[in-house]
Amino acid sequence: MAERIVSTHSVGKFASPPTTQWINSPLTVRVPFPASFSRTPVVTVTTLQDPNYPGVLNDTFATTVVKVTNTDFTLRIVRVDTVKPNYSAFGWDQNLQIGYTAEVPA
């Protein structure tokens, strides 16, 4: 059983739905651990820009971990650097990555 995992996960691109259907709603992503834990770990997440994107990226994201089990975690991601009218957000064109650390507390 794992007690600490430091890893990355590819989220990919995300096209925002029409404004009438999406008022700054986040993308929900389930991330499986490469090995299971003996009990529920604490998870810390950050977004990582696509290192292969051809051009300058000004994208800024907020993430929230909403559920953790001993085999996976679920997080929500929303782009926060720009918004359309009525607070509807844009998607992103890059292959967004996340970096995470999952560790069973002492």
PDB file of N, CA and C in Angstrom:
ATOM      1  N   MET A   1       0.839  -1.187   0.000  1.00  0.00           N
ATOM      2  CA  MET A   1       0.000   0.000   0.000  1.00  0.00           C
ATOM      3  C   MET A   1       0.887   1.256   0.000  1.00  0.00           C
ATOM      4  N   ALA A   2       0.481   2.212  -0.793  1.00  0.00           N
ATOM      5  CA  ALA A   2       1.209   3.466  -0.857  1.00  0.00           C
ATOM      6  C   ALA A   2       0.915   4.308   0.379  1.00  0.00           C
ATOM      7  N   GLU A   3       1.877   5.097   0.817  1.00  0.00           N
ATOM      8  CA  GLU A   3       1.652   6.053   1.892  1.00  0.00           C
ATOM      9  C   GLU A   3       1.878   7.483   1.406  1.00  0.00           C
ATOM     10  N   ARG A   4       2.573   7.620   0.242  1.00  0.00           N
ATOM     11  CA  ARG A   4       2.787   8.941  -0.346  1.00  0.00           C
ATOM     12  C   ARG A   4       2.969   8.784  -1.850  1.00  0.00           C
ATOM     13  N   ILE A   5       2.248   9.604  -2.597  1.00  0.00           N
ATOM     14  CA  ILE A   5       2.387   9.629  -4.055  1.00  0.00           C
ATOM     15  C   ILE A   5       2.533  11.087  -4.484  1.00  0.00           C
ATOM     16  N   VAL A   6       3.538  11.359  -5.302  1.00  0.00           N
ATOM     17  CA  VAL A   6       3.717  12.661  -5.934  1.00  0.00           C
ATOM     18  C   VAL A   6       3.660  12.386  -7.430  1.00  0.00           C
ATOM     19  N   SER A   7       2.694  13.005  -8.124  1.00  0.00           N
ATOM     20  CA  SER A   7       2.494  12.648  -9.530  1.00  0.00           C
ATOM     21  C   SER A   7       1.841  13.789 -10.301  1.00  0.00           C
ATOM     22  N   THR A   8       1.626  13.542 -11.587  1.00  0.00           N
ATOM     23  CA  THR A   8       0.899  14.468 -12.461  1.00  0.00           C
ATOM     24  C   THR A   8      -0.236  13.712 -13.145  1.00  0.00           C
ATOM     25  N   HIS A   9      -1.183  14.486 -13.672  1.00  0.00           N
ATOM     26  CA  HIS A   9      -2.321  13.915 -14.391  1.00  0.00           C
ATOM     27  C   HIS A   9      -2.685  14.886 -15.509  1.00  0.00           C
ATOM     28  N   SER A  10      -2.936  14.366 -16.699  1.00  0.00           N
ATOM     29  CA  SER A  10      -3.325  15.196 -17.830  1.00  0.00           C
ATOM     30  C   SER A  10      -4.828  15.418 -17.829  1.00  0.00           C
ATOM     31  N   VAL A  11      -5.235  16.678 -17.766  1.00  0.00           N
ATOM     32  CA  VAL A  11      -6.652  17.046 -17.824  1.00  0.00           C
ATOM     33  C   VAL A  11      -7.066  17.271 -19.273  1.00  0.00           C
ATOM     34  N   GLY A  12      -6.179  17.873 -20.055  1.00  0.00           N
ATOM     35  CA  GLY A  12      -6.449  18.121 -21.467  1.00  0.00           C
ATOM     36  C   GLY A  12      -7.140  19.445 -21.715  1.00  0.00           C
ATOM     37  N   LYS A  13      -7.690  19.571 -22.917  1.00  0.00           N
ATOM     38  CA  LYS A  13      -8.390  20.787 -23.338  1.00  0.00           C
ATOM     39  C   LYS A  13      -9.825  20.764 -22.824  1.00  0.00           C
ATOM     40  N   PHE A  14     -10.430  21.959 -22.743  1.00  0.00           N
ATOM     41  CA  PHE A  14     -11.815  22.061 -22.293  1.00  0.00           C
ATOM     42  C   PHE A  14     -12.495  23.197 -23.030  1.00  0.00           C
ATOM     43  N   ALA A  15     -13.440  22.864 -23.883  1.00  0.00           N
ATOM     44  CA  ALA A  15     -14.202  23.877 -24.615  1.00  0.00           C
ATOM     45  C   ALA A  15     -15.408  24.281 -23.783  1.00  0.00           C
ATOM     46  N   SER A  16     -15.553  25.566 -23.552  1.00  0.00           N
ATOM     47  CA  SER A  16     -16.686  26.021 -22.739  1.00  0.00           C
ATOM     48  C   SER A  16     -17.992  25.879 -23.510  1.00  0.00           C
ATOM     49  N   PRO A  17     -19.040  25.398 -22.840  1.00  0.00           N
ATOM     50  CA  PRO A  17     -20.361  25.313 -23.460  1.00  0.00           C
ATOM     51  C   PRO A  17     -20.921  26.716 -23.713  1.00  0.00           C
ATOM     52  N   PRO A  18     -22.047  26.804 -24.426  1.00  0.00           N
ATOM     53  CA  PRO A  18     -22.658  28.120 -24.667  1.00  0.00           C
ATOM     54  C   PRO A  18     -22.936  28.861 -23.356  1.00  0.00           C
ATOM     55  N   THR A  19     -22.851  30.171 -23.396  1.00  0.00           N
ATOM     56  CA  THR A  19     -23.036  31.015 -22.213  1.00  0.00           C
ATOM     57  C   THR A  19     -24.329  30.712 -21.473  1.00  0.00           C
ATOM     58  N   THR A  20     -25.384  30.397 -22.178  1.00  0.00           N
ATOM     59  CA  THR A  20     -26.669  30.161 -21.523  1.00  0.00           C
ATOM     60  C   THR A  20     -26.652  28.896 -20.664  1.00  0.00           C
ATOM     61  N   GLN A  21     -25.701  28.006 -20.892  1.00  0.00           N
ATOM     62  CA  GLN A  21     -25.646  26.756 -20.145  1.00  0.00           C
ATOM     63  C   GLN A  21     -24.560  26.736 -19.078  1.00  0.00           C
ATOM     64  N   TRP A  22     -23.702  27.746 -19.050  1.00  0.00           N
ATOM     65  CA  TRP A  22     -22.526  27.654 -18.184  1.00  0.00           C
ATOM     66  C   TRP A  22     -22.218  28.996 -17.547  1.00  0.00           C
ATOM     67  N   ILE A  23     -22.538  29.153 -16.306  1.00  0.00           N
ATOM     68  CA  ILE A  23     -22.222  30.389 -15.600  1.00  0.00           C
ATOM     69  C   ILE A  23     -21.076  30.086 -14.631  1.00  0.00           C
ATOM     70  N   ASN A  24     -19.855  30.197 -15.138  1.00  0.00           N
ATOM     71  CA  ASN A  24     -18.627  29.988 -14.372  1.00  0.00           C
ATOM     72  C   ASN A  24     -18.604  28.649 -13.616  1.00  0.00           C
ATOM     73  N   SER A  25     -19.152  27.625 -14.247  1.00  0.00           N
ATOM     74  CA  SER A  25     -19.152  26.302 -13.628  1.00  0.00           C
ATOM     75  C   SER A  25     -17.815  25.621 -13.865  1.00  0.00           C
ATOM     76  N   PRO A  26     -17.328  24.868 -12.887  1.00  0.00           N
ATOM     77  CA  PRO A  26     -16.032  24.212 -13.033  1.00  0.00           C
ATOM     78  C   PRO A  26     -16.122  22.904 -13.808  1.00  0.00           C
ATOM     79  N   LEU A  27     -14.974  22.461 -14.273  1.00  0.00           N
ATOM     80  CA  LEU A  27     -14.831  21.131 -14.849  1.00  0.00           C
ATOM     81  C   LEU A  27     -14.542  20.180 -13.698  1.00  0.00           C
ATOM     82  N   THR A  28     -15.282  19.085 -13.585  1.00  0.00           N
ATOM     83  CA  THR A  28     -15.048  18.093 -12.542  1.00  0.00           C
ATOM     84  C   THR A  28     -14.218  16.964 -13.128  1.00  0.00           C
ATOM     85  N   VAL A  29     -13.128  16.618 -12.444  1.00  0.00           N
ATOM     86  CA  VAL A  29     -12.176  15.618 -12.929  1.00  0.00           C
ATOM     87  C   VAL A  29     -11.927  14.582 -11.837  1.00  0.00           C
ATOM     88  N   ARG A  30     -12.014  13.305 -12.206  1.00  0.00           N
ATOM     89  CA  ARG A  30     -11.670  12.209 -11.292  1.00  0.00           C
ATOM     90  C   ARG A  30     -10.259  11.748 -11.632  1.00  0.00           C
ATOM     91  N   VAL A  31      -9.393  11.671 -10.623  1.00  0.00           N
ATOM     92  CA  VAL A  31      -7.998  11.283 -10.824  1.00  0.00           C
ATOM     93  C   VAL A  31      -7.713  10.006 -10.035  1.00  0.00           C
ATOM     94  N   PRO A  32      -7.444   8.893 -10.725  1.00  0.00           N
ATOM     95  CA  PRO A  32      -7.114   7.657 -10.011  1.00  0.00           C
ATOM     96  C   PRO A  32      -5.662   7.684  -9.533  1.00  0.00           C
ATOM     97  N   PHE A  33      -5.405   7.136  -8.367  1.00  0.00           N
ATOM     98  CA  PHE A  33      -4.033   6.992  -7.890  1.00  0.00           C
ATOM     99  C   PHE A  33      -3.390   5.798  -8.592  1.00  0.00           C
ATOM    100  N   PRO A  34      -2.081   5.831  -8.839  1.00  0.00           N
ATOM    101  CA  PRO A  34      -1.419   4.689  -9.454  1.00  0.00           C
ATOM    102  C   PRO A  34      -1.306   3.482  -8.512  1.00  0.00           C
ATOM    103  N   ALA A  35      -1.523   3.698  -7.233  1.00  0.00           N
ATOM    104  CA  ALA A  35      -1.548   2.617  -6.230  1.00  0.00           C
ATOM    105  C   ALA A  35      -2.520   3.044  -5.142  1.00  0.00           C
ATOM    106  N   SER A  36      -3.095   2.077  -4.435  1.00  0.00           N
ATOM    107  CA  SER A  36      -4.059   2.427  -3.390  1.00  0.00           C
ATOM    108  C   SER A  36      -3.358   2.744  -2.081  1.00  0.00           C
ATOM    109  N   PHE A  37      -4.050   3.461  -1.230  1.00  0.00           N
ATOM    110  CA  PHE A  37      -3.555   3.822   0.094  1.00  0.00           C
ATOM    111  C   PHE A  37      -4.195   2.920   1.147  1.00  0.00           C
ATOM    112  N   SER A  38      -3.545   2.800   2.293  1.00  0.00           N
ATOM    113  CA  SER A  38      -4.093   1.998   3.388  1.00  0.00           C
ATOM    114  C   SER A  38      -5.286   2.691   4.036  1.00  0.00           C
ATOM    115  N   ARG A  39      -5.327   4.020   3.944  1.00  0.00           N
ATOM    116  CA  ARG A  39      -6.469   4.813   4.410  1.00  0.00           C
ATOM    117  C   ARG A  39      -6.499   6.101   3.605  1.00  0.00           C
ATOM    118  N   THR A  40      -7.499   6.909   3.802  1.00  0.00           N
ATOM    119  CA  THR A  40      -7.694   8.101   2.985  1.00  0.00           C
ATOM    120  C   THR A  40      -6.549   9.101   3.157  1.00  0.00           C
ATOM    121  N   PRO A  41      -5.888   9.491   2.050  1.00  0.00           N
ATOM    122  CA  PRO A  41      -4.795  10.460   2.130  1.00  0.00           C
ATOM    123  C   PRO A  41      -5.299  11.904   2.093  1.00  0.00           C
ATOM    124  N   VAL A  42      -4.405  12.814   2.393  1.00  0.00           N
ATOM    125  CA  VAL A  42      -4.629  14.246   2.192  1.00  0.00           C
ATOM    126  C   VAL A  42      -4.044  14.562   0.818  1.00  0.00           C
ATOM    127  N   VAL A  43      -4.784  15.319  -0.013  1.00  0.00           N
ATOM    128  CA  VAL A  43      -4.354  15.610  -1.377  1.00  0.00           C
ATOM    129  C   VAL A  43      -4.173  17.112  -1.550  1.00  0.00           C
ATOM    130  N   THR A  44      -3.048  17.490  -2.129  1.00  0.00           N
ATOM    131  CA  THR A  44      -2.757  18.882  -2.489  1.00  0.00           C
ATOM    132  C   THR A  44      -2.557  18.935  -3.999  1.00  0.00           C
ATOM    133  N   VAL A  45      -3.197  19.911  -4.668  1.00  0.00           N
ATOM    134  CA  VAL A  45      -3.203  19.966  -6.130  1.00  0.00           C
ATOM    135  C   VAL A  45      -2.783  21.349  -6.615  1.00  0.00           C
ATOM    136  N   THR A  46      -2.101  21.395  -7.756  1.00  0.00           N
ATOM    137  CA  THR A  46      -1.833  22.646  -8.451  1.00  0.00           C
ATOM    138  C   THR A  46      -1.967  22.405  -9.948  1.00  0.00           C
ATOM    139  N   THR A  47      -2.329  23.429 -10.702  1.00  0.00           N
ATOM    140  CA  THR A  47      -2.383  23.287 -12.157  1.00  0.00           C
ATOM    141  C   THR A  47      -1.004  23.572 -12.734  1.00  0.00           C
ATOM    142  N   LEU A  48      -0.712  22.916 -13.848  1.00  0.00           N
ATOM    143  CA  LEU A  48       0.562  23.072 -14.550  1.00  0.00           C
ATOM    144  C   LEU A  48       0.270  23.415 -16.007  1.00  0.00           C
ATOM    145  N   GLN A  49       0.855  24.497 -16.499  1.00  0.00           N
ATOM    146  CA  GLN A  49       0.664  24.876 -17.896  1.00  0.00           C
ATOM    147  C   GLN A  49       1.241  23.805 -18.817  1.00  0.00           C
ATOM    148  N   ASP A  50       0.706  23.719 -20.016  1.00  0.00           N
ATOM    149  CA  ASP A  50       1.185  22.789 -21.035  1.00  0.00           C
ATOM    150  C   ASP A  50       2.565  23.246 -21.521  1.00  0.00           C
ATOM    151  N   PRO A  51       3.632  22.480 -21.254  1.00  0.00           N
ATOM    152  CA  PRO A  51       4.973  22.909 -21.663  1.00  0.00           C
ATOM    153  C   PRO A  51       5.167  22.885 -23.175  1.00  0.00           C
ATOM    154  N   ASN A  52       4.299  22.218 -23.917  1.00  0.00           N
ATOM    155  CA  ASN A  52       4.427  22.118 -25.374  1.00  0.00           C
ATOM    156  C   ASN A  52       3.492  23.051 -26.131  1.00  0.00           C
ATOM    157  N   TYR A  53       2.785  23.938 -25.407  1.00  0.00           N
ATOM    158  CA  TYR A  53       1.846  24.842 -26.071  1.00  0.00           C
ATOM    159  C   TYR A  53       2.628  25.870 -26.884  1.00  0.00           C
ATOM    160  N   PRO A  54       2.283  26.036 -28.166  1.00  0.00           N
ATOM    161  CA  PRO A  54       3.026  26.984 -29.018  1.00  0.00           C
ATOM    162  C   PRO A  54       2.526  28.419 -28.843  1.00  0.00           C
ATOM    163  N   GLY A  55       3.065  29.124 -27.909  1.00  0.00           N
ATOM    164  CA  GLY A  55       2.639  30.497 -27.678  1.00  0.00           C
ATOM    165  C   GLY A  55       2.640  30.818 -26.202  1.00  0.00           C
ATOM    166  N   VAL A  56       2.211  32.034 -25.902  1.00  0.00           N
ATOM    167  CA  VAL A  56       2.179  32.516 -24.527  1.00  0.00           C
ATOM    168  C   VAL A  56       0.837  32.159 -23.903  1.00  0.00           C
ATOM    169  N   LEU A  57       0.887  31.653 -22.686  1.00  0.00           N
ATOM    170  CA  LEU A  57      -0.333  31.306 -21.966  1.00  0.00           C
ATOM    171  C   LEU A  57      -0.500  32.231 -20.764  1.00  0.00           C
ATOM    172  N   ASN A  58      -1.650  32.885 -20.694  1.00  0.00           N
ATOM    173  CA  ASN A  58      -1.979  33.720 -19.543  1.00  0.00           C
ATOM    174  C   ASN A  58      -3.043  33.059 -18.675  1.00  0.00           C
ATOM    175  N   ASP A  59      -3.385  31.814 -18.989  1.00  0.00           N
ATOM    176  CA  ASP A  59      -4.433  31.103 -18.263  1.00  0.00           C
ATOM    177  C   ASP A  59      -4.094  30.991 -16.778  1.00  0.00           C
ATOM    178  N   THR A  60      -5.102  31.239 -15.940  1.00  0.00           N
ATOM    179  CA  THR A  60      -4.964  31.108 -14.486  1.00  0.00           C
ATOM    180  C   THR A  60      -6.164  30.309 -14.000  1.00  0.00           C
ATOM    181  N   PHE A  61      -5.906  29.358 -13.088  1.00  0.00           N
ATOM    182  CA  PHE A  61      -6.948  28.430 -12.670  1.00  0.00           C
ATOM    183  C   PHE A  61      -7.100  28.395 -11.155  1.00  0.00           C
ATOM    184  N   ALA A  62      -8.297  28.052 -10.724  1.00  0.00           N
ATOM    185  CA  ALA A  62      -8.570  27.738  -9.321  1.00  0.00           C
ATOM    186  C   ALA A  62      -8.970  26.272  -9.277  1.00  0.00           C
ATOM    187  N   THR A  63      -8.490  25.556  -8.263  1.00  0.00           N
ATOM    188  CA  THR A  63      -8.841  24.145  -8.108  1.00  0.00           C
ATOM    189  C   THR A  63      -9.322  23.891  -6.686  1.00  0.00           C
ATOM    190  N   THR A  64     -10.234  22.936  -6.550  1.00  0.00           N
ATOM    191  CA  THR A  64     -10.729  22.512  -5.243  1.00  0.00           C
ATOM    192  C   THR A  64     -10.869  20.998  -5.251  1.00  0.00           C
ATOM    193  N   VAL A  65     -10.266  20.342  -4.278  1.00  0.00           N
ATOM    194  CA  VAL A  65     -10.440  18.902  -4.117  1.00  0.00           C
ATOM    195  C   VAL A  65     -11.759  18.704  -3.382  1.00  0.00           C
ATOM    196  N   VAL A  66     -12.670  17.919  -3.981  1.00  0.00           N
ATOM    197  CA  VAL A  66     -14.006  17.774  -3.399  1.00  0.00           C
ATOM    198  C   VAL A  66     -14.281  16.399  -2.805  1.00  0.00           C
ATOM    199  N   LYS A  67     -13.479  15.399  -3.168  1.00  0.00           N
ATOM    200  CA  LYS A  67     -13.684  14.057  -2.634  1.00  0.00           C
ATOM    201  C   LYS A  67     -12.370  13.285  -2.734  1.00  0.00           C
ATOM    202  N   VAL A  68     -12.033  12.539  -1.681  1.00  0.00           N
ATOM    203  CA  VAL A  68     -10.823  11.718  -1.680  1.00  0.00           C
ATOM    204  C   VAL A  68     -11.172  10.344  -1.118  1.00  0.00           C
ATOM    205  N   THR A  69     -10.707   9.295  -1.800  1.00  0.00           N
ATOM    206  CA  THR A  69     -10.820   7.930  -1.292  1.00  0.00           C
ATOM    207  C   THR A  69      -9.412   7.337  -1.265  1.00  0.00           C
ATOM    208  N   ASN A  70      -9.285   6.083  -0.894  1.00  0.00           N
ATOM    209  CA  ASN A  70      -7.946   5.490  -0.887  1.00  0.00           C
ATOM    210  C   ASN A  70      -7.494   5.064  -2.287  1.00  0.00           C
ATOM    211  N   THR A  71      -8.354   5.219  -3.308  1.00  0.00           N
ATOM    212  CA  THR A  71      -7.986   4.855  -4.676  1.00  0.00           C
ATOM    213  C   THR A  71      -8.034   6.002  -5.682  1.00  0.00           C
ATOM    214  N   ASP A  72      -8.655   7.146  -5.328  1.00  0.00           N
ATOM    215  CA  ASP A  72      -8.743   8.268  -6.267  1.00  0.00           C
ATOM    216  C   ASP A  72      -9.175   9.541  -5.553  1.00  0.00           C
ATOM    217  N   PHE A  73      -9.189  10.631  -6.311  1.00  0.00           N
ATOM    218  CA  PHE A  73      -9.754  11.878  -5.793  1.00  0.00           C
ATOM    219  C   PHE A  73     -10.463  12.604  -6.919  1.00  0.00           C
ATOM    220  N   THR A  74     -11.374  13.492  -6.542  1.00  0.00           N
ATOM    221  CA  THR A  74     -12.130  14.296  -7.497  1.00  0.00           C
ATOM    222  C   THR A  74     -11.847  15.760  -7.204  1.00  0.00           C
ATOM    223  N   LEU A  75     -11.613  16.530  -8.274  1.00  0.00           N
ATOM    224  CA  LEU A  75     -11.392  17.954  -8.086  1.00  0.00           C
ATOM    225  C   LEU A  75     -12.199  18.733  -9.103  1.00  0.00           C
ATOM    226  N   ARG A  76     -12.346  20.014  -8.820  1.00  0.00           N
ATOM    227  CA  ARG A  76     -13.020  20.937  -9.729  1.00  0.00           C
ATOM    228  C   ARG A  76     -12.007  21.985 -10.152  1.00  0.00           C
ATOM    229  N   ILE A  77     -12.047  22.315 -11.444  1.00  0.00           N
ATOM    230  CA  ILE A  77     -11.111  23.291 -12.020  1.00  0.00           C
ATOM    231  C   ILE A  77     -11.931  24.352 -12.743  1.00  0.00           C
ATOM    232  N   VAL A  78     -11.601  25.615 -12.517  1.00  0.00           N
ATOM    233  CA  VAL A  78     -12.246  26.703 -13.247  1.00  0.00           C
ATOM    234  C   VAL A  78     -11.172  27.712 -13.647  1.00  0.00           C
ATOM    235  N   ARG A  79     -11.309  28.237 -14.826  1.00  0.00           N
ATOM    236  CA  ARG A  79     -10.396  29.279 -15.304  1.00  0.00           C
ATOM    237  C   ARG A  79     -10.865  30.616 -14.748  1.00  0.00           C
ATOM    238  N   VAL A  80      -9.952  31.380 -14.158  1.00  0.00           N
ATOM    239  CA  VAL A  80     -10.347  32.599 -13.457  1.00  0.00           C
ATOM    240  C   VAL A  80      -9.714  33.880 -13.998  1.00  0.00           C
ATOM    241  N   ASP A  81      -8.888  33.795 -15.038  1.00  0.00           N
ATOM    242  CA  ASP A  81      -8.203  34.998 -15.514  1.00  0.00           C
ATOM    243  C   ASP A  81      -9.043  35.848 -16.447  1.00  0.00           C
ATOM    244  N   THR A  82     -10.147  35.315 -16.952  1.00  0.00           N
ATOM    245  CA  THR A  82     -10.987  36.078 -17.860  1.00  0.00           C
ATOM    246  C   THR A  82     -12.415  35.552 -17.797  1.00  0.00           C
ATOM    247  N   VAL A  83     -13.364  36.436 -17.933  1.00  0.00           N
ATOM    248  CA  VAL A  83     -14.773  36.028 -17.944  1.00  0.00           C
ATOM    249  C   VAL A  83     -15.529  36.792 -19.023  1.00  0.00           C
ATOM    250  N   LYS A  84     -16.578  36.175 -19.517  1.00  0.00           N
ATOM    251  CA  LYS A  84     -17.484  36.807 -20.475  1.00  0.00           C
ATOM    252  C   LYS A  84     -18.576  37.531 -19.681  1.00  0.00           C
ATOM    253  N   PRO A  85     -19.492  38.192 -20.365  1.00  0.00           N
ATOM    254  CA  PRO A  85     -20.623  38.807 -19.652  1.00  0.00           C
ATOM    255  C   PRO A  85     -21.375  37.768 -18.816  1.00  0.00           C
ATOM    256  N   ASN A  86     -22.020  38.207 -17.774  1.00  0.00           N
ATOM    257  CA  ASN A  86     -22.775  37.350 -16.858  1.00  0.00           C
ATOM    258  C   ASN A  86     -21.894  36.335 -16.137  1.00  0.00           C
ATOM    259  N   TYR A  87     -20.593  36.627 -16.024  1.00  0.00           N
ATOM    260  CA  TYR A  87     -19.651  35.782 -15.297  1.00  0.00           C
ATOM    261  C   TYR A  87     -19.496  34.386 -15.875  1.00  0.00           C
ATOM    262  N   SER A  88     -19.781  34.216 -17.141  1.00  0.00           N
ATOM    263  CA  SER A  88     -19.531  32.919 -17.760  1.00  0.00           C
ATOM    264  C   SER A  88     -18.066  32.873 -18.170  1.00  0.00           C
ATOM    265  N   ALA A  89     -17.398  31.792 -17.873  1.00  0.00           N
ATOM    266  CA  ALA A  89     -15.959  31.699 -18.087  1.00  0.00           C
ATOM    267  C   ALA A  89     -15.626  31.058 -19.431  1.00  0.00           C
ATOM    268  N   PHE A  90     -14.374  31.190 -19.807  1.00  0.00           N
ATOM    269  CA  PHE A  90     -13.860  30.549 -21.007  1.00  0.00           C
ATOM    270  C   PHE A  90     -13.327  29.161 -20.649  1.00  0.00           C
ATOM    271  N   GLY A  91     -13.237  28.301 -21.643  1.00  0.00           N
ATOM    272  CA  GLY A  91     -12.534  27.034 -21.480  1.00  0.00           C
ATOM    273  C   GLY A  91     -11.050  27.292 -21.697  1.00  0.00           C
ATOM    274  N   TRP A  92     -10.322  26.260 -22.124  1.00  0.00           N
ATOM    275  CA  TRP A  92      -8.896  26.429 -22.409  1.00  0.00           C
ATOM    276  C   TRP A  92      -8.498  25.549 -23.570  1.00  0.00           C
ATOM    277  N   ASP A  93      -7.484  26.018 -24.292  1.00  0.00           N
ATOM    278  CA  ASP A  93      -7.032  25.364 -25.514  1.00  0.00           C
ATOM    279  C   ASP A  93      -5.751  24.565 -25.310  1.00  0.00           C
ATOM    280  N   GLN A  94      -5.199  24.598 -24.144  1.00  0.00           N
ATOM    281  CA  GLN A  94      -3.958  23.883 -23.865  1.00  0.00           C
ATOM    282  C   GLN A  94      -4.238  22.490 -23.297  1.00  0.00           C
ATOM    283  N   ASN A  95      -3.229  21.646 -23.288  1.00  0.00           N
ATOM    284  CA  ASN A  95      -3.323  20.332 -22.645  1.00  0.00           C
ATOM    285  C   ASN A  95      -2.980  20.530 -21.169  1.00  0.00           C
ATOM    286  N   LEU A  96      -3.972  20.992 -20.408  1.00  0.00           N
ATOM    287  CA  LEU A  96      -3.762  21.331 -18.997  1.00  0.00           C
ATOM    288  C   LEU A  96      -3.339  20.100 -18.196  1.00  0.00           C
ATOM    289  N   GLN A  97      -2.388  20.295 -17.308  1.00  0.00           N
ATOM    290  CA  GLN A  97      -1.891  19.239 -16.430  1.00  0.00           C
ATOM    291  C   GLN A  97      -2.163  19.641 -14.983  1.00  0.00           C
ATOM    292  N   ILE A  98      -2.226  18.665 -14.107  1.00  0.00           N
ATOM    293  CA  ILE A  98      -2.225  18.971 -12.679  1.00  0.00           C
ATOM    294  C   ILE A  98      -1.071  18.204 -12.044  1.00  0.00           C
ATOM    295  N   GLY A  99      -0.501  18.804 -11.028  1.00  0.00           N
ATOM    296  CA  GLY A  99       0.472  18.135 -10.195  1.00  0.00           C
ATOM    297  C   GLY A  99      -0.175  17.917  -8.850  1.00  0.00           C
ATOM    298  N   TYR A 100       0.078  16.755  -8.226  1.00  0.00           N
ATOM    299  CA  TYR A 100      -0.541  16.514  -6.930  1.00  0.00           C
ATOM    300  C   TYR A 100       0.371  15.707  -6.022  1.00  0.00           C
ATOM    301  N   THR A 101       0.143  15.901  -4.738  1.00  0.00           N
ATOM    302  CA  THR A 101       0.766  15.094  -3.702  1.00  0.00           C
ATOM    303  C   THR A 101      -0.365  14.517  -2.865  1.00  0.00           C
ATOM    304  N   ALA A 102      -0.328  13.214  -2.662  1.00  0.00           N
ATOM    305  CA  ALA A 102      -1.304  12.522  -1.817  1.00  0.00           C
ATOM    306  C   ALA A 102      -0.521  11.771  -0.754  1.00  0.00           C
ATOM    307  N   GLU A 103      -0.876  11.991   0.510  1.00  0.00           N
ATOM    308  CA  GLU A 103      -0.103  11.395   1.601  1.00  0.00           C
ATOM    309  C   GLU A 103      -1.016  11.060   2.785  1.00  0.00           C
ATOM    310  N   VAL A 104      -0.809   9.888   3.351  1.00  0.00           N
ATOM    311  CA  VAL A 104      -1.552   9.504   4.552  1.00  0.00           C
ATOM    312  C   VAL A 104      -0.966  10.304   5.704  1.00  0.00           C
ATOM    313  N   PRO A 105      -1.811  11.036   6.443  1.00  0.00           N
ATOM    314  CA  PRO A 105      -1.307  11.851   7.550  1.00  0.00           C
ATOM    315  C   PRO A 105      -0.761  10.983   8.695  1.00  0.00           C
ATOM    316  N   ALA A 106       0.176  11.549   9.412  1.00  0.00           N
ATOM    317  CA  ALA A 106       0.788  10.828  10.547  1.00  0.00           C
ATOM    318  C   ALA A 106      -0.195  10.682  11.686  1.00  0.00           C
TER     319      ALA A 106
END
